[in-house]
Amino acid sequence: MSIETSGIEAIEQKLRNLNTATQAKLLRKVANKVASLSKKRITAQTDLAGRKFTSRSPNTAEKLMRKKMLTGLRSRLRVLSVTDEQAIIGFTGRAEKIATEQQFGIKDPPKRTKPPSTGRGNSRSRREYNAADAASKKQALALVRLGYKAKVNGQLKVPTTKWIMDHLMYQKAGVIIQLMRKSADTERRNMYLPARSFLGVTSNDEQELLALIDDVINKEINK
């Protein structure tokens, strides 16, 4: 993060009168203030434009829907480096990726992963199956991974691989796998994460920061 003071002649003049150590100290104060303002936006659940964060997907678990968004990032936002010319605030590790996705959103689908096996094996190990054969173990595993559900003892749930092999025919299992895989691919292509911009400086923030800068400079000059 760079602090621009172009056009503010009085403050620019005062900055030129400070030594490099004091300039670095000033920038650290400003960086901490920007981080604090950004954290307040997370607490208020509002973006840089003052709008409320876009709600989570309707498919989100009810317990998670009640929780505030981005709170895990709030404690991880910090000043990363400071010199007499600039201060940088941000995140490290996995939090950096999550923060970037939340700040700007995701509009492009992720890379397609290797689809689950249909259970037919490769050309060397494949044996001939017919419509009357039971579902194979590979098909059963693929269905479980895809989240296939069936009525088991009166309850709709993901069955065990043994249940699938005992109750589904090979051909039917293959068709279900293909349909579920197609549905999963469509869902991945439609993946979208709305932007929830929280890191930055608004016009109101700028005035607050300029007042802070002016106050710190006056204190340093009058020492």
Protein backbone atom coordinates (compact mmCIF):
# COMPACT_ATOMS: atom_id res chain seq x y z
CA MET A 1 0.00 0.00 0.00
CA SER A 2 1.42 3.36 -1.01
CA ILE A 3 0.22 6.61 0.54
CA GLU A 4 -0.20 9.29 -2.11
CA THR A 5 -0.18 12.95 -0.98
CA SER A 6 -0.15 14.60 -4.38
CA GLY A 7 -1.94 17.97 -4.35
CA ILE A 8 -1.79 18.42 -0.59
CA GLU A 9 1.02 20.95 -0.55
CA ALA A 10 1.05 21.71 3.18
CA ILE A 11 1.44 18.06 4.17
CA GLU A 12 3.95 17.38 1.38
CA GLN A 13 6.11 20.21 2.65
CA LYS A 14 5.98 18.83 6.18
CA LEU A 15 6.85 15.33 4.95
CA ARG A 16 9.96 16.64 3.25
CA ASN A 17 11.11 18.03 6.58
CA LEU A 18 11.00 14.60 8.27
CA ASN A 19 13.92 12.19 8.40
CA THR A 20 13.54 8.68 6.93
CA ALA A 21 13.03 7.02 10.33
CA THR A 22 10.15 9.36 11.13
CA GLN A 23 8.62 8.84 7.68
CA ALA A 24 8.70 5.07 8.23
CA LYS A 25 7.10 5.53 11.64
CA LEU A 26 4.38 7.66 10.08
CA LEU A 27 3.67 5.13 7.35
CA ARG A 28 3.38 2.35 9.93
CA LYS A 29 0.74 4.37 11.79
CA VAL A 30 -1.15 4.95 8.54
CA ALA A 31 -0.91 1.26 7.58
CA ASN A 32 -2.23 0.21 10.97
CA LYS A 33 -5.10 2.67 10.56
CA VAL A 34 -5.98 1.31 7.10
CA ALA A 35 -5.94 -2.24 8.49
CA SER A 36 -8.17 -1.14 11.37
CA LEU A 37 -10.66 0.50 9.00
CA SER A 38 -10.73 -2.63 6.84
CA LYS A 39 -11.38 -4.82 9.89
CA LYS A 40 -14.25 -2.54 10.89
CA ARG A 41 -15.84 -3.16 7.49
CA ILE A 42 -15.73 -6.91 8.16
CA THR A 43 -17.37 -6.34 11.55
CA ALA A 44 -20.06 -4.18 9.90
CA GLN A 45 -20.32 -6.62 6.95
CA THR A 46 -20.10 -3.77 4.43
CA ASP A 47 -17.88 -3.27 1.37
CA LEU A 48 -15.89 -0.24 0.20
CA ALA A 49 -19.02 1.26 -1.38
CA GLY A 50 -20.92 0.99 1.91
CA ARG A 51 -23.14 -1.84 0.67
CA LYS A 52 -23.92 -4.92 2.75
CA PHE A 53 -21.91 -8.01 1.79
CA THR A 54 -23.70 -10.26 -0.70
CA SER A 55 -25.34 -13.11 1.21
CA ARG A 56 -23.99 -16.63 1.11
CA SER A 57 -25.39 -19.17 -1.34
CA PRO A 58 -28.87 -20.48 -0.40
CA ASN A 59 -27.30 -23.96 -0.39
CA THR A 60 -25.07 -23.01 2.57
CA ALA A 61 -25.69 -24.94 5.78
CA GLU A 62 -28.14 -23.17 8.09
CA LYS A 63 -25.62 -22.99 10.97
CA LEU A 64 -23.07 -21.27 8.72
CA MET A 65 -25.68 -18.88 7.29
CA ARG A 66 -26.09 -17.34 10.74
CA LYS A 67 -22.39 -16.52 11.06
CA LYS A 68 -20.77 -13.30 9.87
CA MET A 69 -18.62 -13.55 6.73
CA LEU A 70 -14.84 -13.07 6.50
CA THR A 71 -14.36 -13.00 10.28
CA GLY A 72 -11.49 -15.47 9.95
CA LEU A 73 -9.61 -12.91 7.82
CA ARG A 74 -10.04 -10.12 10.34
CA SER A 75 -7.44 -11.47 12.77
CA ARG A 76 -5.00 -12.33 9.97
CA LEU A 77 -4.82 -8.87 8.39
CA ARG A 78 -1.60 -7.16 9.40
CA VAL A 79 1.23 -4.83 8.38
CA LEU A 80 3.66 -6.91 6.32
CA SER A 81 6.47 -4.42 5.70
CA VAL A 82 7.35 -0.76 6.17
CA THR A 83 10.01 1.50 4.66
CA ASP A 84 10.36 5.28 4.56
CA GLU A 85 8.58 5.19 1.15
CA GLN A 86 5.75 2.69 1.52
CA ALA A 87 3.88 0.39 3.88
CA ILE A 88 2.25 -2.89 2.82
CA ILE A 89 -0.66 -4.54 4.59
CA GLY A 90 -2.16 -7.88 3.69
CA PHE A 91 -2.15 -11.59 4.39
CA THR A 92 0.19 -14.55 4.19
CA GLY A 93 -0.28 -18.22 3.33
CA ARG A 94 -3.70 -19.63 2.51
CA ALA A 95 -5.41 -16.54 3.94
CA GLU A 96 -3.93 -14.46 1.08
CA LYS A 97 -5.69 -16.61 -1.53
CA ILE A 98 -9.00 -16.55 0.36
CA ALA A 99 -8.81 -12.77 0.86
CA THR A 100 -8.09 -12.20 -2.85
CA GLU A 101 -11.07 -14.33 -3.88
CA GLN A 102 -13.35 -12.49 -1.46
CA GLN A 103 -12.03 -9.04 -2.39
CA PHE A 104 -12.45 -9.48 -6.16
CA GLY A 105 -14.83 -12.45 -6.43
CA ILE A 106 -14.57 -15.50 -8.70
CA LYS A 107 -16.11 -15.37 -12.14
CA ASP A 108 -14.08 -18.05 -13.94
CA PRO A 109 -14.79 -21.75 -13.38
CA PRO A 110 -12.04 -23.83 -11.75
CA LYS A 111 -10.01 -26.25 -13.81
CA ARG A 112 -11.86 -29.47 -14.42
CA THR A 113 -10.63 -32.30 -12.27
CA LYS A 114 -10.27 -35.89 -13.43
CA PRO A 115 -13.75 -37.45 -13.39
CA PRO A 116 -14.43 -40.37 -11.08
CA SER A 117 -14.17 -43.83 -12.57
CA THR A 118 -17.31 -45.49 -13.90
CA GLY A 119 -15.89 -48.77 -12.65
CA ARG A 120 -15.25 -50.33 -16.02
CA GLY A 121 -11.50 -50.60 -15.61
CA ASN A 122 -8.88 -50.26 -18.37
CA SER A 123 -8.75 -52.22 -21.60
CA ARG A 124 -6.44 -54.87 -20.10
CA SER A 125 -8.46 -55.60 -16.95
CA ARG A 126 -11.96 -54.99 -18.31
CA ARG A 127 -14.28 -57.97 -18.46
CA GLU A 128 -17.54 -58.20 -20.34
CA TYR A 129 -20.65 -57.08 -18.43
CA ASN A 130 -24.30 -57.38 -19.35
CA ALA A 131 -27.46 -55.64 -18.15
CA ALA A 132 -28.19 -58.35 -15.58
CA ASP A 133 -24.85 -58.02 -13.80
CA ALA A 134 -24.66 -56.31 -10.42
CA ALA A 135 -22.89 -52.97 -10.08
CA SER A 136 -19.14 -53.32 -9.73
CA LYS A 137 -17.17 -52.23 -6.66
CA LYS A 138 -15.59 -49.37 -8.66
CA GLN A 139 -19.04 -48.16 -9.68
CA ALA A 140 -20.20 -48.33 -6.07
CA LEU A 141 -17.20 -46.28 -4.91
CA ALA A 142 -17.79 -43.73 -7.68
CA LEU A 143 -21.45 -43.35 -6.69
CA VAL A 144 -20.55 -42.82 -3.03
CA ARG A 145 -17.98 -40.15 -3.99
CA LEU A 146 -20.58 -38.41 -6.17
CA GLY A 147 -23.03 -38.30 -3.26
CA TYR A 148 -25.57 -40.73 -4.71
CA LYS A 149 -28.55 -41.22 -2.37
CA ALA A 150 -31.11 -43.97 -2.14
CA LYS A 151 -33.83 -45.11 0.26
CA VAL A 152 -32.20 -47.47 2.73
CA ASN A 153 -34.47 -48.86 5.45
CA GLY A 154 -36.94 -46.06 4.77
CA GLN A 155 -34.34 -43.27 4.96
CA LEU A 156 -32.89 -41.29 2.06
CA LYS A 157 -29.09 -41.34 2.47
CA VAL A 158 -25.81 -42.24 0.81
CA PRO A 159 -25.72 -46.04 0.90
CA THR A 160 -22.74 -48.27 1.51
CA THR A 161 -20.83 -49.73 -1.40
CA LYS A 162 -22.18 -53.18 -0.45
CA TRP A 163 -25.78 -51.90 -0.63
CA ILE A 164 -25.14 -50.44 -4.09
CA MET A 165 -23.59 -53.69 -5.34
CA ASP A 166 -26.55 -55.68 -3.92
CA HIS A 167 -29.31 -53.41 -5.25
CA LEU A 168 -28.12 -51.78 -8.50
CA MET A 169 -27.46 -53.39 -11.83
CA TYR A 170 -24.26 -52.63 -13.69
CA GLN A 171 -25.92 -50.81 -16.58
CA LYS A 172 -28.15 -48.66 -14.35
CA ALA A 173 -25.20 -47.74 -12.11
CA GLY A 174 -23.23 -46.63 -15.18
CA VAL A 175 -26.08 -44.38 -16.37
CA ILE A 176 -26.47 -42.80 -12.90
CA ILE A 177 -22.72 -42.10 -12.73
CA GLN A 178 -22.76 -40.39 -16.14
CA LEU A 179 -25.78 -38.22 -15.21
CA MET A 180 -24.34 -37.23 -11.83
CA ARG A 181 -20.96 -36.46 -13.36
CA LYS A 182 -22.61 -34.23 -15.98
CA SER A 183 -24.54 -32.41 -13.25
CA ALA A 184 -21.34 -31.91 -11.21
CA ASP A 185 -19.53 -30.50 -14.26
CA THR A 186 -22.38 -28.03 -14.87
CA GLU A 187 -22.25 -26.92 -11.24
CA ARG A 188 -18.49 -26.33 -11.49
CA ARG A 189 -18.92 -24.28 -14.67
CA ASN A 190 -21.53 -22.12 -12.94
CA MET A 191 -19.38 -21.54 -9.87
CA TYR A 192 -19.44 -17.89 -8.88
CA LEU A 193 -18.26 -15.99 -5.81
CA PRO A 194 -19.45 -12.38 -5.47
CA ALA A 195 -16.87 -9.73 -4.59
CA ARG A 196 -16.94 -8.55 -0.98
CA SER A 197 -14.39 -5.73 -1.05
CA PHE A 198 -13.27 -4.86 2.45
CA LEU A 199 -9.59 -3.99 2.03
CA GLY A 200 -8.88 -0.45 0.88
CA VAL A 201 -9.57 3.21 1.52
CA THR A 202 -12.82 5.09 0.93
CA SER A 203 -13.17 8.86 0.42
CA ASN A 204 -14.19 9.21 4.06
CA ASP A 205 -11.20 7.12 5.10
CA GLU A 206 -8.90 9.44 3.12
CA GLN A 207 -9.96 12.46 5.15
CA GLU A 208 -9.43 10.54 8.38
CA LEU A 209 -6.00 9.40 7.23
CA LEU A 210 -4.95 12.89 6.16
CA ALA A 211 -5.96 14.21 9.58
CA LEU A 212 -3.88 11.46 11.19
CA ILE A 213 -0.88 12.25 8.98
CA ASP A 214 -1.13 15.97 9.70
CA ASP A 215 -1.44 15.35 13.46
CA VAL A 216 1.58 13.02 13.56
CA ILE A 217 3.71 15.40 11.49
CA ASN A 218 2.85 18.39 13.70
CA LYS A 219 3.78 16.41 16.81
CA GLU A 220 7.12 15.41 15.29
CA ILE A 221 7.94 18.93 14.16
CA ASN A 222 7.01 20.47 17.52
CA LYS A 223 9.15 18.05 19.59
